[in-house]
């Protein structure tokens, strides 16, 4: 019997965390960009 932990589980988890973090940063940046564009348009109209 082998008692060692399977390293690939941790590799998959690390990739999942990396991809999820990247997608979260893209979404956050996109939302911030939309807010900034809306503020710019609002300032232009005044």
Protein backbone atom coordinates (compact mmCIF):
# COMPACT_ATOMS: atom_id res chain seq x y z
CA UNK A 1 0.00 0.00 0.00
CA UNK A 2 1.08 3.49 -0.77
CA UNK A 3 0.46 6.16 1.87
CA UNK A 4 1.94 9.13 -0.02
CA UNK A 5 -0.27 11.97 -1.18
CA UNK A 6 -0.91 12.37 -4.88
CA UNK A 7 0.83 15.54 -6.04
CA UNK A 8 -1.44 16.03 -9.05
CA UNK A 9 -4.35 16.95 -6.80
CA UNK A 10 -2.38 19.96 -5.60
CA UNK A 11 -1.27 20.83 -9.13
CA UNK A 12 -4.90 20.82 -10.33
CA UNK A 13 -5.94 22.91 -7.33
CA UNK A 14 -3.17 25.43 -8.02
CA UNK A 15 -4.23 25.77 -11.65
CA UNK A 16 -7.88 26.15 -10.62
CA UNK A 17 -6.98 28.89 -8.14
CA UNK A 18 -4.84 30.63 -10.75
CA UNK A 19 -7.55 30.54 -13.42
CA UNK A 20 -10.26 31.64 -10.97
CA UNK A 21 -8.06 34.49 -9.74
CA UNK A 22 -7.33 35.61 -13.29
CA UNK A 23 -11.02 35.59 -14.21
CA UNK A 24 -11.88 37.51 -11.03
CA UNK A 25 -9.28 40.18 -11.85
CA UNK A 26 -10.59 40.49 -15.43
CA UNK A 27 -14.15 40.93 -14.14
CA UNK A 28 -13.06 43.46 -11.51
CA UNK A 29 -11.06 45.46 -14.06
CA UNK A 30 -13.95 45.42 -16.55
CA UNK A 31 -16.40 46.68 -13.91
CA UNK A 32 -13.97 49.41 -12.83
CA UNK A 33 -13.48 50.44 -16.47
CA UNK A 34 -17.25 50.69 -17.00
CA UNK A 35 -17.63 52.84 -13.87
CA UNK A 36 -14.80 55.12 -14.98
CA UNK A 37 -16.33 55.50 -18.43
CA UNK A 38 -19.70 56.35 -16.89
CA UNK A 39 -18.09 58.98 -14.63
CA UNK A 40 -16.27 60.46 -17.62
CA UNK A 41 -19.48 60.70 -19.64
CA UNK A 42 -21.30 62.25 -16.69
CA UNK A 43 -18.53 64.87 -16.32
CA UNK A 44 -18.65 65.64 -20.06
CA UNK A 45 -22.37 66.42 -19.94
CA UNK A 46 -22.04 69.03 -17.20
